[in-house]
Amino acid sequence: MTEETRIALKNYDNLIRSRGLDDVQLDWSTDTLVYGDGGAVIDTLLDPGFTGVS
């Protein structure tokens, strides 16, 4: 597994655990990570500090 993949999975896992499954979605048609009242581009999951985990 690449380090980028590991970081993305840790960030996604952290979002799911902190916000719950009903508040986090991946919109593949727009490459958007949707959570709360907003969202971010899916590539944001690759940022080591995005959710405070690395």
Protein backbone atom coordinates (compact mmCIF):
# COMPACT_ATOMS: atom_id res chain seq x y z
CA MET A 1 0.00 0.00 0.00
CA THR A 2 1.36 3.43 -0.87
CA GLU A 3 1.74 6.13 1.75
CA GLU A 4 -0.81 8.30 -0.10
CA THR A 5 -3.38 5.50 0.10
CA ARG A 6 -2.68 4.99 3.79
CA ILE A 7 -3.14 8.73 4.50
CA ALA A 8 -6.39 8.89 2.48
CA LEU A 9 -7.83 5.86 4.28
CA LYS A 10 -6.87 7.22 7.70
CA ASN A 11 -8.49 10.58 6.90
CA TYR A 12 -11.65 8.94 5.59
CA ASP A 13 -11.80 6.61 8.60
CA ASN A 14 -11.39 9.57 10.95
CA LEU A 15 -14.23 11.48 9.25
CA ILE A 16 -16.55 8.47 9.45
CA ARG A 17 -15.72 7.83 13.12
CA SER A 18 -16.09 11.47 14.17
CA ARG A 19 -19.12 12.44 12.06
CA GLY A 20 -20.90 9.15 11.48
CA LEU A 21 -21.80 7.33 8.28
CA ASP A 22 -24.85 9.51 7.64
CA ASP A 23 -22.78 12.71 7.50
CA VAL A 24 -19.94 11.67 5.17
CA GLN A 25 -20.39 10.80 1.50
CA LEU A 26 -18.24 10.44 -1.59
CA ASP A 27 -19.87 11.95 -4.67
CA TRP A 28 -17.96 10.19 -7.43
CA SER A 29 -19.67 12.12 -10.25
CA THR A 30 -18.23 15.41 -8.99
CA ASP A 31 -15.11 14.06 -7.21
CA THR A 32 -16.37 15.64 -4.00
CA LEU A 33 -16.12 14.57 -0.38
CA VAL A 34 -19.37 15.78 1.19
CA TYR A 35 -19.62 16.26 4.96
CA GLY A 36 -21.46 18.60 7.31
CA ASP A 37 -22.77 21.67 5.49
CA GLY A 38 -20.01 21.60 2.90
CA GLY A 39 -17.31 19.48 1.49
CA ALA A 40 -14.00 19.31 -0.31
CA VAL A 41 -12.49 17.74 -3.38
CA ILE A 42 -11.76 14.06 -2.84
CA ASP A 43 -8.03 14.72 -3.27
CA THR A 44 -8.13 16.53 0.08
CA LEU A 45 -8.11 13.10 1.70
CA LEU A 46 -4.47 12.85 0.59
CA ASP A 47 -3.44 15.78 2.84
CA PRO A 48 -1.71 14.38 5.95
CA GLY A 49 -3.17 17.05 8.27
CA PHE A 50 -6.70 17.14 6.86
CA THR A 51 -8.34 15.43 9.85
CA GLY A 52 -5.46 15.64 12.27
CA VAL A 53 -4.22 12.11 11.59
CA SER A 54 -1.16 11.17 9.60
